[in-house]
C-alpha cells in the first residue's frame, strides 16, 4: 500500500482531540479503528500524533492482510438530522463521540443536553 493510499484511507476516519480535565491534557481518538488514545499538552501536536497513529494502524492491518473496517461515521450516511436539524459535521462529531463512549447517538445527546441543563 503506497503512502498516498494510506493517507486517503486514513482521511475517511473521524479523528478528534479534546481537553480532558481529569487527565489535564489533550486526548486524541479515532474510535473506529482503535480503543486507545494519544495524549499531550499541545492540541496541534496531539492531532498530528493521532494522524500518524491512524496511518500506522492502517499500514499494520494491511501488512497483516486484514482489511480496515469501513468507517462507521462515513459522512454520506448522515443527513444532519435526528429529530432536530443540525449541521452534518456536528452530527458526524456527535456520532463519533457516542461511539467512543459506547453509547447510542440518542443516549449520548440526551446525556449531554441534560448535563448542559438547557
N, C-alpha and C. Protein backbone atom coordinates (compact mmCIF):
# COMPACT_ATOMS: atom_id res chain seq x y z
N UNK A 1 0.85 -1.17 0.00
CA UNK A 1 0.00 0.00 0.00
C UNK A 1 0.91 1.24 0.00
N UNK A 2 0.68 2.13 -0.94
CA UNK A 2 1.51 3.33 -1.03
C UNK A 2 1.15 4.32 0.06
N UNK A 3 2.04 5.25 0.30
CA UNK A 3 1.79 6.30 1.30
C UNK A 3 0.52 7.08 0.96
N UNK A 4 0.33 7.36 -0.33
CA UNK A 4 -0.86 8.09 -0.78
C UNK A 4 -2.13 7.30 -0.46
N UNK A 5 -2.11 5.99 -0.73
CA UNK A 5 -3.27 5.15 -0.44
C UNK A 5 -3.58 5.10 1.06
N UNK A 6 -2.51 5.04 1.87
CA UNK A 6 -2.70 5.04 3.32
C UNK A 6 -3.34 6.35 3.75
N UNK A 7 -2.82 7.48 3.25
CA UNK A 7 -3.36 8.80 3.61
C UNK A 7 -4.83 8.93 3.18
N UNK A 8 -5.14 8.46 1.98
CA UNK A 8 -6.53 8.54 1.50
C UNK A 8 -7.46 7.70 2.37
N UNK A 9 -7.00 6.51 2.75
CA UNK A 9 -7.81 5.64 3.61
C UNK A 9 -7.97 6.27 5.00
N UNK A 10 -6.88 6.78 5.54
CA UNK A 10 -6.89 7.37 6.88
C UNK A 10 -7.81 8.59 6.95
N UNK A 11 -7.90 9.34 5.88
CA UNK A 11 -8.73 10.55 5.86
C UNK A 11 -10.22 10.23 6.01
N UNK A 12 -10.62 9.00 5.75
CA UNK A 12 -12.03 8.61 5.84
C UNK A 12 -12.50 8.40 7.28
N UNK A 13 -11.55 8.29 8.21
CA UNK A 13 -11.89 8.04 9.61
C UNK A 13 -11.92 9.34 10.39
N UNK A 14 -12.92 9.47 11.23
CA UNK A 14 -13.01 10.68 12.04
C UNK A 14 -12.00 10.61 13.18
N UNK A 15 -11.37 11.73 13.39
CA UNK A 15 -10.39 11.86 14.46
C UNK A 15 -10.76 13.10 15.25
N UNK A 16 -10.66 13.05 16.55
CA UNK A 16 -10.94 14.24 17.33
C UNK A 16 -10.00 14.35 18.52
N UNK A 17 -9.77 15.60 18.90
CA UNK A 17 -8.92 15.92 20.04
C UNK A 17 -9.75 16.79 20.97
N UNK A 18 -9.74 16.46 22.25
CA UNK A 18 -10.47 17.26 23.22
C UNK A 18 -9.67 17.34 24.51
N UNK A 19 -9.94 18.38 25.27
CA UNK A 19 -9.28 18.58 26.55
C UNK A 19 -9.90 17.67 27.60
N UNK A 20 -9.06 17.02 28.39
CA UNK A 20 -9.51 16.18 29.50
C UNK A 20 -9.13 16.86 30.81
N UNK A 21 -10.15 17.31 31.54
CA UNK A 21 -9.90 17.90 32.87
C UNK A 21 -9.28 16.85 33.79
N UNK A 22 -9.80 15.63 33.69
CA UNK A 22 -9.33 14.55 34.56
C UNK A 22 -7.85 14.25 34.36
N UNK A 23 -7.41 14.23 33.10
CA UNK A 23 -6.01 13.90 32.79
C UNK A 23 -5.13 15.14 32.66
N UNK A 24 -5.76 16.31 32.61
CA UNK A 24 -5.05 17.57 32.48
C UNK A 24 -4.18 17.62 31.21
N UNK A 25 -4.76 17.12 30.12
CA UNK A 25 -4.06 17.15 28.83
C UNK A 25 -5.08 16.95 27.71
N UNK A 26 -4.61 17.13 26.49
CA UNK A 26 -5.46 16.86 25.32
C UNK A 26 -5.43 15.37 25.02
N UNK A 27 -6.58 14.82 24.65
CA UNK A 27 -6.71 13.41 24.30
C UNK A 27 -7.19 13.33 22.85
N UNK A 28 -6.49 12.56 22.02
CA UNK A 28 -6.87 12.36 20.62
C UNK A 28 -7.34 10.94 20.40
N UNK A 29 -8.48 10.80 19.70
CA UNK A 29 -9.05 9.47 19.48
C UNK A 29 -9.50 9.26 18.04
N UNK A 30 -9.49 8.00 17.62
CA UNK A 30 -10.08 7.55 16.37
C UNK A 30 -10.83 6.26 16.72
N UNK A 31 -12.04 6.39 17.28
CA UNK A 31 -12.74 5.24 17.84
C UNK A 31 -13.12 4.15 16.84
N UNK A 32 -13.15 4.48 15.56
CA UNK A 32 -13.50 3.46 14.57
C UNK A 32 -12.38 2.46 14.35
N UNK A 33 -11.14 2.85 14.65
CA UNK A 33 -10.00 1.96 14.41
C UNK A 33 -9.41 1.34 15.66
N UNK A 34 -9.36 2.09 16.75
CA UNK A 34 -8.73 1.55 17.96
C UNK A 34 -9.33 2.21 19.20
N UNK A 35 -9.26 1.48 20.30
CA UNK A 35 -9.87 1.95 21.54
C UNK A 35 -8.97 2.92 22.30
N UNK A 36 -7.70 2.86 22.07
CA UNK A 36 -6.76 3.70 22.79
C UNK A 36 -6.77 5.14 22.32
N UNK A 37 -5.86 5.91 22.86
CA UNK A 37 -5.80 7.33 22.53
C UNK A 37 -4.37 7.81 22.60
N UNK A 38 -4.12 8.96 22.00
CA UNK A 38 -2.84 9.65 22.15
C UNK A 38 -3.11 10.88 23.00
N UNK A 39 -2.08 11.37 23.69
CA UNK A 39 -2.31 12.50 24.57
C UNK A 39 -1.08 13.39 24.65
N UNK A 40 -1.29 14.59 25.14
CA UNK A 40 -0.20 15.54 25.32
C UNK A 40 -0.72 16.92 25.65
N UNK A 41 0.20 17.83 25.86
CA UNK A 41 -0.15 19.18 26.28
C UNK A 41 -0.42 20.15 25.15
N UNK A 42 -0.06 19.79 23.92
CA UNK A 42 -0.24 20.68 22.78
C UNK A 42 -1.27 20.08 21.83
N UNK A 43 -2.39 20.78 21.64
CA UNK A 43 -3.50 20.25 20.85
C UNK A 43 -3.09 19.88 19.43
N UNK A 44 -2.34 20.77 18.77
CA UNK A 44 -1.92 20.52 17.38
C UNK A 44 -0.99 19.31 17.30
N UNK A 45 -0.09 19.18 18.25
CA UNK A 45 0.83 18.04 18.25
C UNK A 45 0.06 16.74 18.49
N UNK A 46 -0.91 16.77 19.39
CA UNK A 46 -1.72 15.57 19.66
C UNK A 46 -2.46 15.17 18.39
N UNK A 47 -3.02 16.15 17.66
CA UNK A 47 -3.71 15.82 16.43
C UNK A 47 -2.74 15.21 15.40
N UNK A 48 -1.55 15.78 15.28
CA UNK A 48 -0.54 15.22 14.37
C UNK A 48 -0.15 13.81 14.74
N UNK A 49 0.05 13.59 16.04
CA UNK A 49 0.38 12.23 16.52
C UNK A 49 -0.76 11.27 16.25
N UNK A 50 -1.98 11.75 16.43
CA UNK A 50 -3.16 10.91 16.16
C UNK A 50 -3.21 10.51 14.69
N UNK A 51 -2.99 11.46 13.80
CA UNK A 51 -2.99 11.17 12.36
C UNK A 51 -1.90 10.15 12.02
N UNK A 52 -0.71 10.32 12.61
CA UNK A 52 0.38 9.36 12.37
C UNK A 52 0.00 7.97 12.88
N UNK A 53 -0.66 7.90 14.03
CA UNK A 53 -1.07 6.63 14.61
C UNK A 53 -2.11 5.94 13.72
N UNK A 54 -3.05 6.70 13.19
CA UNK A 54 -4.06 6.13 12.28
C UNK A 54 -3.36 5.58 11.04
N UNK A 55 -2.43 6.33 10.47
CA UNK A 55 -1.67 5.86 9.30
C UNK A 55 -0.95 4.55 9.61
N UNK A 56 -0.26 4.51 10.75
CA UNK A 56 0.48 3.31 11.14
C UNK A 56 -0.47 2.12 11.34
N UNK A 57 -1.62 2.38 11.94
CA UNK A 57 -2.61 1.32 12.19
C UNK A 57 -3.07 0.71 10.87
N UNK A 58 -3.37 1.57 9.90
CA UNK A 58 -3.81 1.10 8.58
C UNK A 58 -2.71 0.30 7.90
N UNK A 59 -1.48 0.77 8.01
CA UNK A 59 -0.35 0.04 7.42
C UNK A 59 -0.17 -1.34 8.06
N UNK A 60 -0.30 -1.39 9.39
CA UNK A 60 -0.17 -2.68 10.08
C UNK A 60 -1.27 -3.65 9.68
N UNK A 61 -2.49 -3.16 9.60
CA UNK A 61 -3.59 -4.03 9.17
C UNK A 61 -3.33 -4.56 7.76
N UNK A 62 -2.90 -3.68 6.88
CA UNK A 62 -2.60 -4.09 5.50
C UNK A 62 -1.49 -5.13 5.46
N UNK A 63 -0.43 -4.89 6.23
CA UNK A 63 0.71 -5.82 6.29
C UNK A 63 0.26 -7.20 6.77
N UNK A 64 -0.70 -7.22 7.71
CA UNK A 64 -1.21 -8.48 8.24
C UNK A 64 -2.31 -9.09 7.37
N UNK A 65 -2.64 -8.43 6.25
CA UNK A 65 -3.66 -8.94 5.35
C UNK A 65 -5.08 -8.75 5.87
N UNK A 66 -5.26 -7.80 6.77
CA UNK A 66 -6.57 -7.53 7.35
C UNK A 66 -7.11 -6.23 6.77
N UNK A 67 -8.33 -6.28 6.27
CA UNK A 67 -8.94 -5.06 5.75
C UNK A 67 -9.38 -4.18 6.91
N UNK A 68 -9.05 -2.88 6.86
CA UNK A 68 -9.55 -1.99 7.91
C UNK A 68 -11.07 -1.93 7.85
N UNK A 69 -11.73 -1.69 8.98
CA UNK A 69 -13.18 -1.60 8.97
C UNK A 69 -13.65 -0.42 8.14
N UNK A 70 -14.84 -0.54 7.58
CA UNK A 70 -15.42 0.60 6.88
C UNK A 70 -15.74 1.67 7.91
N UNK A 71 -15.46 2.91 7.60
CA UNK A 71 -15.76 3.97 8.56
C UNK A 71 -17.25 4.00 8.90
N UNK A 72 -17.56 3.90 10.18
CA UNK A 72 -18.95 3.94 10.63
C UNK A 72 -19.51 5.35 10.54
N UNK A 73 -18.63 6.31 10.55
CA UNK A 73 -19.07 7.71 10.51
C UNK A 73 -18.86 8.32 9.13
N UNK A 74 -19.05 7.51 8.10
CA UNK A 74 -18.95 8.00 6.73
C UNK A 74 -19.93 9.17 6.57
N UNK A 75 -19.44 10.33 6.14
CA UNK A 75 -20.33 11.50 6.05
C UNK A 75 -21.54 11.28 5.16
N UNK A 76 -21.47 10.34 4.22
CA UNK A 76 -22.60 10.07 3.33
C UNK A 76 -23.76 9.40 4.07
N UNK A 77 -23.48 8.81 5.24
CA UNK A 77 -24.51 8.10 6.00
C UNK A 77 -25.35 9.04 6.86
N UNK A 78 -24.94 10.29 6.98
CA UNK A 78 -25.61 11.21 7.89
C UNK A 78 -26.26 12.34 7.14
N UNK A 79 -27.53 12.52 7.39
CA UNK A 79 -28.30 13.57 6.74
C UNK A 79 -28.18 14.89 7.49
N UNK A 80 -27.79 14.82 8.75
CA UNK A 80 -27.71 16.02 9.56
C UNK A 80 -28.95 16.24 10.41
N UNK A 81 -29.80 15.24 10.52
CA UNK A 81 -30.98 15.39 11.37
C UNK A 81 -31.25 14.11 12.16
N UNK A 82 -31.67 14.29 13.36
CA UNK A 82 -32.17 13.22 14.22
C UNK A 82 -33.14 13.90 15.19
N UNK A 83 -34.34 14.01 14.75
CA UNK A 83 -35.43 14.71 15.39
C UNK A 83 -35.29 16.22 15.19
N UNK A 84 -34.14 16.80 15.48
CA UNK A 84 -33.93 18.21 15.21
C UNK A 84 -32.85 18.34 14.15
N UNK A 85 -32.86 19.44 13.44
CA UNK A 85 -31.88 19.62 12.36
C UNK A 85 -30.61 20.28 12.89
N UNK A 86 -29.48 19.68 12.52
CA UNK A 86 -28.17 20.22 12.88
C UNK A 86 -27.27 20.12 11.67
N UNK A 87 -26.13 20.77 11.73
CA UNK A 87 -25.16 20.70 10.63
C UNK A 87 -24.63 19.27 10.51
N UNK A 88 -24.43 18.77 9.30
CA UNK A 88 -23.91 17.40 9.12
C UNK A 88 -22.57 17.17 9.83
N UNK A 89 -21.70 18.17 9.86
CA UNK A 89 -20.40 17.99 10.53
C UNK A 89 -20.58 17.78 12.04
N UNK A 90 -21.52 18.51 12.63
CA UNK A 90 -21.81 18.33 14.05
C UNK A 90 -22.42 16.95 14.29
N UNK A 91 -23.32 16.51 13.42
CA UNK A 91 -23.92 15.17 13.52
C UNK A 91 -22.82 14.11 13.51
N UNK A 92 -21.88 14.26 12.62
CA UNK A 92 -20.78 13.30 12.49
C UNK A 92 -19.92 13.27 13.75
N UNK A 93 -19.58 14.45 14.29
CA UNK A 93 -18.76 14.53 15.51
C UNK A 93 -19.50 13.90 16.69
N UNK A 94 -20.80 14.20 16.82
CA UNK A 94 -21.58 13.62 17.91
C UNK A 94 -21.63 12.10 17.80
N UNK A 95 -21.80 11.59 16.59
CA UNK A 95 -21.84 10.13 16.38
C UNK A 95 -20.51 9.49 16.76
N UNK A 96 -19.41 10.12 16.41
CA UNK A 96 -18.09 9.57 16.75
C UNK A 96 -17.86 9.58 18.27
N UNK A 97 -18.27 10.65 18.93
CA UNK A 97 -18.10 10.72 20.37
C UNK A 97 -19.00 9.71 21.08
N UNK A 98 -20.21 9.50 20.57
CA UNK A 98 -21.09 8.48 21.13
C UNK A 98 -20.46 7.11 20.97
N UNK A 99 -19.91 6.84 19.79
CA UNK A 99 -19.23 5.57 19.53
C UNK A 99 -18.07 5.37 20.51
N UNK A 100 -17.30 6.43 20.71
CA UNK A 100 -16.15 6.35 21.61
C UNK A 100 -16.56 6.08 23.06
N UNK A 101 -17.74 6.57 23.44
CA UNK A 101 -18.20 6.36 24.83
C UNK A 101 -19.05 5.10 24.97
N UNK A 102 -19.27 4.38 23.85
CA UNK A 102 -20.03 3.14 23.90
C UNK A 102 -21.53 3.32 24.06
N UNK A 103 -22.03 4.47 23.62
CA UNK A 103 -23.45 4.77 23.76
C UNK A 103 -24.08 4.96 22.39
N UNK A 104 -25.40 4.88 22.36
CA UNK A 104 -26.10 5.23 21.13
C UNK A 104 -26.04 6.75 20.97
N UNK A 105 -26.24 7.20 19.75
CA UNK A 105 -26.25 8.64 19.50
C UNK A 105 -27.33 9.32 20.33
N UNK A 106 -28.50 8.71 20.38
CA UNK A 106 -29.60 9.29 21.14
C UNK A 106 -29.25 9.41 22.62
N UNK A 107 -28.75 8.34 23.22
CA UNK A 107 -28.39 8.37 24.65
C UNK A 107 -27.31 9.40 24.93
N UNK A 108 -26.31 9.45 24.06
CA UNK A 108 -25.21 10.39 24.23
C UNK A 108 -25.73 11.83 24.20
N UNK A 109 -26.58 12.15 23.22
CA UNK A 109 -27.10 13.51 23.10
C UNK A 109 -28.01 13.88 24.26
N UNK A 110 -28.84 12.93 24.69
CA UNK A 110 -29.71 13.19 25.84
C UNK A 110 -28.86 13.50 27.07
N UNK A 111 -27.81 12.69 27.27
CA UNK A 111 -26.92 12.90 28.42
C UNK A 111 -26.26 14.28 28.35
N UNK A 112 -25.74 14.64 27.19
CA UNK A 112 -25.06 15.92 27.03
C UNK A 112 -26.02 17.08 27.22
N UNK A 113 -27.22 16.95 26.69
CA UNK A 113 -28.20 18.02 26.87
C UNK A 113 -28.62 18.14 28.33
N UNK A 114 -28.73 17.01 29.02
CA UNK A 114 -29.07 17.03 30.44
C UNK A 114 -27.97 17.69 31.26
N UNK A 115 -26.72 17.39 30.93
CA UNK A 115 -25.60 17.99 31.63
C UNK A 115 -25.54 19.51 31.42
N UNK A 116 -25.98 19.96 30.24
CA UNK A 116 -25.97 21.38 29.92
C UNK A 116 -27.08 22.12 30.67
N UNK A 117 -28.03 21.38 31.21
CA UNK A 117 -29.15 21.96 31.94
C UNK A 117 -29.82 23.07 31.13
N UNK A 118 -30.15 22.73 29.92
CA UNK A 118 -30.79 23.67 28.99
C UNK A 118 -32.18 24.02 29.45
